[in-house]
Amino acid sequence: MPLPKIDEVRDLSDQELGDRIVETKKELFQLRFQKATGKMEKPHQFKHLRHRLSQLLTIERERQLAASATDATEE
């Protein structure tokens, strides 16, 4: 299974992006819980979810910086 592409994330709205971040963090928590209880079946999911979370947070930060840049130019 290949790692997710960042282009898929760039098309999300700000609300969807925030929802996906929360959802991914919950999934990572569930995986850590499964690992602790010894019921983990797919340990490679850690890598995929951490990768996805970093993509989501990167896009969120890019949008924040773009918004602050436009605010600075308007003043």
PDB file of N, CA and C in Angstrom:
ATOM      1  N   MET A   1       0.849  -1.182   0.000  1.00  0.00           N
ATOM      2  CA  MET A   1       0.000   0.000   0.000  1.00  0.00           C
ATOM      3  C   MET A   1       0.890   1.239   0.000  1.00  0.00           C
ATOM      4  N   PRO A   2       0.787   2.096  -1.000  1.00  0.00           N
ATOM      5  CA  PRO A   2       1.635   3.283  -1.069  1.00  0.00           C
ATOM      6  C   PRO A   2       1.193   4.343  -0.066  1.00  0.00           C
ATOM      7  N   LEU A   3       2.116   5.222   0.247  1.00  0.00           N
ATOM      8  CA  LEU A   3       1.797   6.328   1.142  1.00  0.00           C
ATOM      9  C   LEU A   3       0.841   7.297   0.443  1.00  0.00           C
ATOM     10  N   PRO A   4      -0.014   7.968   1.211  1.00  0.00           N
ATOM     11  CA  PRO A   4      -0.978   8.896   0.610  1.00  0.00           C
ATOM     12  C   PRO A   4      -0.283  10.094  -0.026  1.00  0.00           C
ATOM     13  N   LYS A   5      -0.904  10.652  -1.053  1.00  0.00           N
ATOM     14  CA  LYS A   5      -0.363  11.791  -1.783  1.00  0.00           C
ATOM     15  C   LYS A   5      -0.873  13.103  -1.180  1.00  0.00           C
ATOM     16  N   ILE A   6      -0.034  14.094  -1.187  1.00  0.00           N
ATOM     17  CA  ILE A   6      -0.389  15.383  -0.590  1.00  0.00           C
ATOM     18  C   ILE A   6      -1.386  16.149  -1.457  1.00  0.00           C
ATOM     19  N   ASP A   7      -1.435  15.841  -2.745  1.00  0.00           N
ATOM     20  CA  ASP A   7      -2.383  16.530  -3.633  1.00  0.00           C
ATOM     21  C   ASP A   7      -3.825  16.302  -3.200  1.00  0.00           C
ATOM     22  N   GLU A   8      -4.100  15.140  -2.620  1.00  0.00           N
ATOM     23  CA  GLU A   8      -5.444  14.845  -2.146  1.00  0.00           C
ATOM     24  C   GLU A   8      -5.827  15.779  -0.999  1.00  0.00           C
ATOM     25  N   VAL A   9      -4.841  16.169  -0.203  1.00  0.00           N
ATOM     26  CA  VAL A   9      -5.091  17.012   0.965  1.00  0.00           C
ATOM     27  C   VAL A   9      -5.284  18.464   0.555  1.00  0.00           C
ATOM     28  N   ARG A  10      -4.590  18.909  -0.461  1.00  0.00           N
ATOM     29  CA  ARG A  10      -4.657  20.312  -0.886  1.00  0.00           C
ATOM     30  C   ARG A  10      -6.062  20.714  -1.350  1.00  0.00           C
ATOM     31  N   ASP A  11      -6.863  19.762  -1.785  1.00  0.00           N
ATOM     32  CA  ASP A  11      -8.201  20.056  -2.282  1.00  0.00           C
ATOM     33  C   ASP A  11      -9.239  20.189  -1.170  1.00  0.00           C
ATOM     34  N   LEU A  12      -8.873  19.895   0.066  1.00  0.00           N
ATOM     35  CA  LEU A  12      -9.827  19.944   1.164  1.00  0.00           C
ATOM     36  C   LEU A  12     -10.084  21.380   1.604  1.00  0.00           C
ATOM     37  N   SER A  13     -11.291  21.621   2.100  1.00  0.00           N
ATOM     38  CA  SER A  13     -11.590  22.933   2.675  1.00  0.00           C
ATOM     39  C   SER A  13     -10.947  23.007   4.063  1.00  0.00           C
ATOM     40  N   ASP A  14     -10.948  24.195   4.640  1.00  0.00           N
ATOM     41  CA  ASP A  14     -10.348  24.370   5.966  1.00  0.00           C
ATOM     42  C   ASP A  14     -11.057  23.522   7.016  1.00  0.00           C
ATOM     43  N   GLN A  15     -12.370  23.451   6.937  1.00  0.00           N
ATOM     44  CA  GLN A  15     -13.144  22.658   7.900  1.00  0.00           C
ATOM     45  C   GLN A  15     -12.833  21.174   7.743  1.00  0.00           C
ATOM     46  N   GLU A  16     -12.808  20.705   6.511  1.00  0.00           N
ATOM     47  CA  GLU A  16     -12.490  19.296   6.260  1.00  0.00           C
ATOM     48  C   GLU A  16     -11.077  18.972   6.719  1.00  0.00           C
ATOM     49  N   LEU A  17     -10.171  19.893   6.511  1.00  0.00           N
ATOM     50  CA  LEU A  17      -8.784  19.696   6.927  1.00  0.00           C
ATOM     51  C   LEU A  17      -8.705  19.530   8.441  1.00  0.00           C
ATOM     52  N   GLY A  18      -9.380  20.396   9.162  1.00  0.00           N
ATOM     53  CA  GLY A  18      -9.406  20.295  10.625  1.00  0.00           C
ATOM     54  C   GLY A  18     -10.028  18.990  11.093  1.00  0.00           C
ATOM     55  N   ASP A  19     -11.106  18.589  10.430  1.00  0.00           N
ATOM     56  CA  ASP A  19     -11.759  17.328  10.784  1.00  0.00           C
ATOM     57  C   ASP A  19     -10.836  16.139  10.545  1.00  0.00           C
ATOM     58  N   ARG A  20     -10.125  16.168   9.431  1.00  0.00           N
ATOM     59  CA  ARG A  20      -9.203  15.069   9.109  1.00  0.00           C
ATOM     60  C   ARG A  20      -8.052  14.991  10.107  1.00  0.00           C
ATOM     61  N   ILE A  21      -7.578  16.150  10.582  1.00  0.00           N
ATOM     62  CA  ILE A  21      -6.500  16.163  11.565  1.00  0.00           C
ATOM     63  C   ILE A  21      -6.963  15.488  12.855  1.00  0.00           C
ATOM     64  N   VAL A  22      -8.144  15.862  13.317  1.00  0.00           N
ATOM     65  CA  VAL A  22      -8.693  15.269  14.538  1.00  0.00           C
ATOM     66  C   VAL A  22      -8.907  13.763  14.345  1.00  0.00           C
ATOM     67  N   GLU A  23      -9.451  13.388  13.206  1.00  0.00           N
ATOM     68  CA  GLU A  23      -9.717  11.984  12.903  1.00  0.00           C
ATOM     69  C   GLU A  23      -8.421  11.167  12.880  1.00  0.00           C
ATOM     70  N   THR A  24      -7.385  11.709  12.278  1.00  0.00           N
ATOM     71  CA  THR A  24      -6.112  11.004  12.182  1.00  0.00           C
ATOM     72  C   THR A  24      -5.470  10.859  13.549  1.00  0.00           C
ATOM     73  N   LYS A  25      -5.566  11.883  14.376  1.00  0.00           N
ATOM     74  CA  LYS A  25      -5.024  11.790  15.731  1.00  0.00           C
ATOM     75  C   LYS A  25      -5.752  10.726  16.545  1.00  0.00           C
ATOM     76  N   LYS A  26      -7.056  10.621  16.350  1.00  0.00           N
ATOM     77  CA  LYS A  26      -7.831   9.585  17.049  1.00  0.00           C
ATOM     78  C   LYS A  26      -7.408   8.191  16.583  1.00  0.00           C
ATOM     79  N   GLU A  27      -7.191   8.045  15.278  1.00  0.00           N
ATOM     80  CA  GLU A  27      -6.759   6.753  14.747  1.00  0.00           C
ATOM     81  C   GLU A  27      -5.390   6.366  15.293  1.00  0.00           C
ATOM     82  N   LEU A  28      -4.484   7.325  15.394  1.00  0.00           N
ATOM     83  CA  LEU A  28      -3.168   7.047  15.968  1.00  0.00           C
ATOM     84  C   LEU A  28      -3.289   6.628  17.428  1.00  0.00           C
ATOM     85  N   PHE A  29      -4.171   7.281  18.157  1.00  0.00           N
ATOM     86  CA  PHE A  29      -4.409   6.891  19.546  1.00  0.00           C
ATOM     87  C   PHE A  29      -4.910   5.454  19.623  1.00  0.00           C
ATOM     88  N   GLN A  30      -5.862   5.114  18.752  1.00  0.00           N
ATOM     89  CA  GLN A  30      -6.390   3.750  18.740  1.00  0.00           C
ATOM     90  C   GLN A  30      -5.302   2.730  18.425  1.00  0.00           C
ATOM     91  N   LEU A  31      -4.416   3.067  17.495  1.00  0.00           N
ATOM     92  CA  LEU A  31      -3.321   2.156  17.159  1.00  0.00           C
ATOM     93  C   LEU A  31      -2.372   1.973  18.341  1.00  0.00           C
ATOM     94  N   ARG A  32      -2.075   3.073  19.043  1.00  0.00           N
ATOM     95  CA  ARG A  32      -1.207   2.954  20.216  1.00  0.00           C
ATOM     96  C   ARG A  32      -1.876   2.092  21.280  1.00  0.00           C
ATOM     97  N   PHE A  33      -3.175   2.235  21.422  1.00  0.00           N
ATOM     98  CA  PHE A  33      -3.927   1.439  22.382  1.00  0.00           C
ATOM     99  C   PHE A  33      -3.881  -0.036  21.993  1.00  0.00           C
ATOM    100  N   GLN A  34      -4.071  -0.332  20.711  1.00  0.00           N
ATOM    101  CA  GLN A  34      -4.000  -1.721  20.236  1.00  0.00           C
ATOM    102  C   GLN A  34      -2.613  -2.297  20.454  1.00  0.00           C
ATOM    103  N   LYS A  35      -1.595  -1.493  20.232  1.00  0.00           N
ATOM    104  CA  LYS A  35      -0.223  -1.967  20.422  1.00  0.00           C
ATOM    105  C   LYS A  35       0.023  -2.316  21.886  1.00  0.00           C
ATOM    106  N   ALA A  36      -0.486  -1.468  22.783  1.00  0.00           N
ATOM    107  CA  ALA A  36      -0.289  -1.686  24.209  1.00  0.00           C
ATOM    108  C   ALA A  36      -1.015  -2.938  24.692  1.00  0.00           C
ATOM    109  N   THR A  37      -2.153  -3.233  24.097  1.00  0.00           N
ATOM    110  CA  THR A  37      -2.920  -4.407  24.522  1.00  0.00           C
ATOM    111  C   THR A  37      -2.529  -5.667  23.752  1.00  0.00           C
ATOM    112  N   GLY A  38      -1.649  -5.520  22.781  1.00  0.00           N
ATOM    113  CA  GLY A  38      -1.176  -6.687  22.035  1.00  0.00           C
ATOM    114  C   GLY A  38      -2.130  -7.161  20.961  1.00  0.00           C
ATOM    115  N   LYS A  39      -3.041  -6.332  20.525  1.00  0.00           N
ATOM    116  CA  LYS A  39      -4.038  -6.727  19.526  1.00  0.00           C
ATOM    117  C   LYS A  39      -3.792  -6.087  18.163  1.00  0.00           C
ATOM    118  N   MET A  40      -2.597  -5.563  17.948  1.00  0.00           N
ATOM    119  CA  MET A  40      -2.299  -4.871  16.708  1.00  0.00           C
ATOM    120  C   MET A  40      -2.065  -5.875  15.582  1.00  0.00           C
ATOM    121  N   GLU A  41      -2.742  -5.673  14.473  1.00  0.00           N
ATOM    122  CA  GLU A  41      -2.622  -6.570  13.329  1.00  0.00           C
ATOM    123  C   GLU A  41      -1.766  -5.968  12.217  1.00  0.00           C
ATOM    124  N   LYS A  42      -1.819  -4.649  12.054  1.00  0.00           N
ATOM    125  CA  LYS A  42      -1.121  -4.000  10.941  1.00  0.00           C
ATOM    126  C   LYS A  42      -0.227  -2.880  11.465  1.00  0.00           C
ATOM    127  N   PRO A  43       0.983  -3.216  11.886  1.00  0.00           N
ATOM    128  CA  PRO A  43       1.859  -2.183  12.440  1.00  0.00           C
ATOM    129  C   PRO A  43       2.318  -1.143  11.420  1.00  0.00           C
ATOM    130  N   HIS A  44       2.230  -1.445  10.144  1.00  0.00           N
ATOM    131  CA  HIS A  44       2.630  -0.469   9.126  1.00  0.00           C
ATOM    132  C   HIS A  44       1.697   0.740   9.085  1.00  0.00           C
ATOM    133  N   GLN A  45       0.533   0.624   9.685  1.00  0.00           N
ATOM    134  CA  GLN A  45      -0.415   1.743   9.687  1.00  0.00           C
ATOM    135  C   GLN A  45       0.124   2.945  10.455  1.00  0.00           C
ATOM    136  N   PHE A  46       1.019   2.700  11.436  1.00  0.00           N
ATOM    137  CA  PHE A  46       1.640   3.816  12.148  1.00  0.00           C
ATOM    138  C   PHE A  46       2.327   4.756  11.172  1.00  0.00           C
ATOM    139  N   LYS A  47       3.124   4.176  10.294  1.00  0.00           N
ATOM    140  CA  LYS A  47       3.869   4.980   9.331  1.00  0.00           C
ATOM    141  C   LYS A  47       2.921   5.765   8.432  1.00  0.00           C
ATOM    142  N   HIS A  48       1.896   5.111   7.939  1.00  0.00           N
ATOM    143  CA  HIS A  48       0.952   5.765   7.035  1.00  0.00           C
ATOM    144  C   HIS A  48       0.192   6.901   7.732  1.00  0.00           C
ATOM    145  N   LEU A  49      -0.239   6.654   8.960  1.00  0.00           N
ATOM    146  CA  LEU A  49      -1.005   7.685   9.668  1.00  0.00           C
ATOM    147  C   LEU A  49      -0.126   8.853  10.093  1.00  0.00           C
ATOM    148  N   ARG A  50       1.102   8.580  10.514  1.00  0.00           N
ATOM    149  CA  ARG A  50       2.012   9.673  10.862  1.00  0.00           C
ATOM    150  C   ARG A  50       2.338  10.506   9.627  1.00  0.00           C
ATOM    151  N   HIS A  51       2.506   9.831   8.502  1.00  0.00           N
ATOM    152  CA  HIS A  51       2.773  10.524   7.246  1.00  0.00           C
ATOM    153  C   HIS A  51       1.579  11.401   6.861  1.00  0.00           C
ATOM    154  N   ARG A  52       0.387  10.860   6.968  1.00  0.00           N
ATOM    155  CA  ARG A  52      -0.832  11.604   6.638  1.00  0.00           C
ATOM    156  C   ARG A  52      -0.999  12.802   7.574  1.00  0.00           C
ATOM    157  N   LEU A  53      -0.743  12.587   8.859  1.00  0.00           N
ATOM    158  CA  LEU A  53      -0.879  13.678   9.821  1.00  0.00           C
ATOM    159  C   LEU A  53       0.110  14.791   9.514  1.00  0.00           C
ATOM    160  N   SER A  54       1.325  14.445   9.160  1.00  0.00           N
ATOM    161  CA  SER A  54       2.312  15.477   8.828  1.00  0.00           C
ATOM    162  C   SER A  54       1.886  16.243   7.578  1.00  0.00           C
ATOM    163  N   GLN A  55       1.297  15.566   6.617  1.00  0.00           N
ATOM    164  CA  GLN A  55       0.794  16.247   5.427  1.00  0.00           C
ATOM    165  C   GLN A  55      -0.319  17.229   5.790  1.00  0.00           C
ATOM    166  N   LEU A  56      -1.245  16.773   6.603  1.00  0.00           N
ATOM    167  CA  LEU A  56      -2.369  17.620   7.005  1.00  0.00           C
ATOM    168  C   LEU A  56      -1.883  18.852   7.760  1.00  0.00           C
ATOM    169  N   LEU A  57      -0.965  18.649   8.696  1.00  0.00           N
ATOM    170  CA  LEU A  57      -0.458  19.766   9.476  1.00  0.00           C
ATOM    171  C   LEU A  57       0.362  20.727   8.614  1.00  0.00           C
ATOM    172  N   THR A  58       1.071  20.206   7.631  1.00  0.00           N
ATOM    173  CA  THR A  58       1.841  21.047   6.725  1.00  0.00           C
ATOM    174  C   THR A  58       0.924  21.940   5.905  1.00  0.00           C
ATOM    175  N   ILE A  59      -0.134  21.370   5.364  1.00  0.00           N
ATOM    176  CA  ILE A  59      -1.083  22.152   4.567  1.00  0.00           C
ATOM    177  C   ILE A  59      -1.770  23.199   5.442  1.00  0.00           C
ATOM    178  N   GLU A  60      -2.126  22.816   6.658  1.00  0.00           N
ATOM    179  CA  GLU A  60      -2.752  23.762   7.578  1.00  0.00           C
ATOM    180  C   GLU A  60      -1.807  24.938   7.853  1.00  0.00           C
ATOM    181  N   ARG A  61      -0.540  24.645   8.083  1.00  0.00           N
ATOM    182  CA  ARG A  61       0.441  25.699   8.353  1.00  0.00           C
ATOM    183  C   ARG A  61       0.662  26.577   7.124  1.00  0.00           C
ATOM    184  N   GLU A  62       0.710  25.971   5.947  1.00  0.00           N
ATOM    185  CA  GLU A  62       0.860  26.751   4.717  1.00  0.00           C
ATOM    186  C   GLU A  62      -0.286  27.743   4.563  1.00  0.00           C
ATOM    187  N   ARG A  63      -1.490  27.299   4.876  1.00  0.00           N
ATOM    188  CA  ARG A  63      -2.654  28.180   4.765  1.00  0.00           C
ATOM    189  C   ARG A  63      -2.606  29.290   5.800  1.00  0.00           C
ATOM    190  N   GLN A  64      -2.129  28.974   7.005  1.00  0.00           N
ATOM    191  CA  GLN A  64      -1.996  30.007   8.036  1.00  0.00           C
ATOM    192  C   GLN A  64      -0.997  31.070   7.603  1.00  0.00           C
ATOM    193  N   LEU A  65       0.132  30.617   7.052  1.00  0.00           N
ATOM    194  CA  LEU A  65       1.155  31.558   6.614  1.00  0.00           C
ATOM    195  C   LEU A  65       0.665  32.406   5.437  1.00  0.00           C
ATOM    196  N   ALA A  66      -0.079  31.787   4.538  1.00  0.00           N
ATOM    197  CA  ALA A  66      -0.626  32.530   3.392  1.00  0.00           C
ATOM    198  C   ALA A  66      -1.639  33.571   3.874  1.00  0.00           C
ATOM    199  N   ALA A  67      -2.440  33.204   4.850  1.00  0.00           N
ATOM    200  CA  ALA A  67      -3.433  34.151   5.381  1.00  0.00           C
ATOM    201  C   ALA A  67      -2.746  35.304   6.101  1.00  0.00           C
ATOM    202  N   SER A  68      -1.701  35.028   6.864  1.00  0.00           N
ATOM    203  CA  SER A  68      -1.009  36.105   7.566  1.00  0.00           C
ATOM    204  C   SER A  68      -0.243  36.999   6.589  1.00  0.00           C
ATOM    205  N   ALA A  69       0.224  36.410   5.478  1.00  0.00           N
ATOM    206  CA  ALA A  69       0.918  37.209   4.474  1.00  0.00           C
ATOM    207  C   ALA A  69      -0.048  38.166   3.789  1.00  0.00           C
ATOM    208  N   THR A  70      -1.253  37.706   3.514  1.00  0.00           N
ATOM    209  CA  THR A  70      -2.242  38.588   2.879  1.00  0.00           C
ATOM    210  C   THR A  70      -2.696  39.678   3.852  1.00  0.00           C
ATOM    211  N   ASP A  71      -2.780  39.334   5.149  1.00  0.00           N
ATOM    212  CA  ASP A  71      -3.151  40.328   6.152  1.00  0.00           C
ATOM    213  C   ASP A  71      -2.073  41.399   6.269  1.00  0.00           C
ATOM    214  N   ALA A  72      -0.831  40.999   6.172  1.00  0.00           N
ATOM    215  CA  ALA A  72       0.275  41.944   6.294  1.00  0.00           C
ATOM    216  C   ALA A  72       0.350  42.872   5.084  1.00  0.00           C
ATOM    217  N   THR A  73       0.009  42.365   3.911  1.00  0.00           N
ATOM    218  CA  THR A  73       0.059  43.202   2.715  1.00  0.00           C
ATOM    219  C   THR A  73      -1.128  44.165   2.651  1.00  0.00           C
ATOM    220  N   GLU A  74      -2.222  43.837   3.289  1.00  0.00           N
ATOM    221  CA  GLU A  74      -3.404  44.701   3.269  1.00  0.00           C
ATOM    222  C   GLU A  74      -3.214  45.916   4.167  1.00  0.00           C
ATOM    223  N   GLU A  75      -2.375  45.800   5.182  1.00  0.00           N
ATOM    224  CA  GLU A  75      -2.200  46.906   6.143  1.00  0.00           C
ATOM    225  C   GLU A  75      -1.325  47.987   5.630  1.00  0.00           C
TER     226      GLU A  75
END
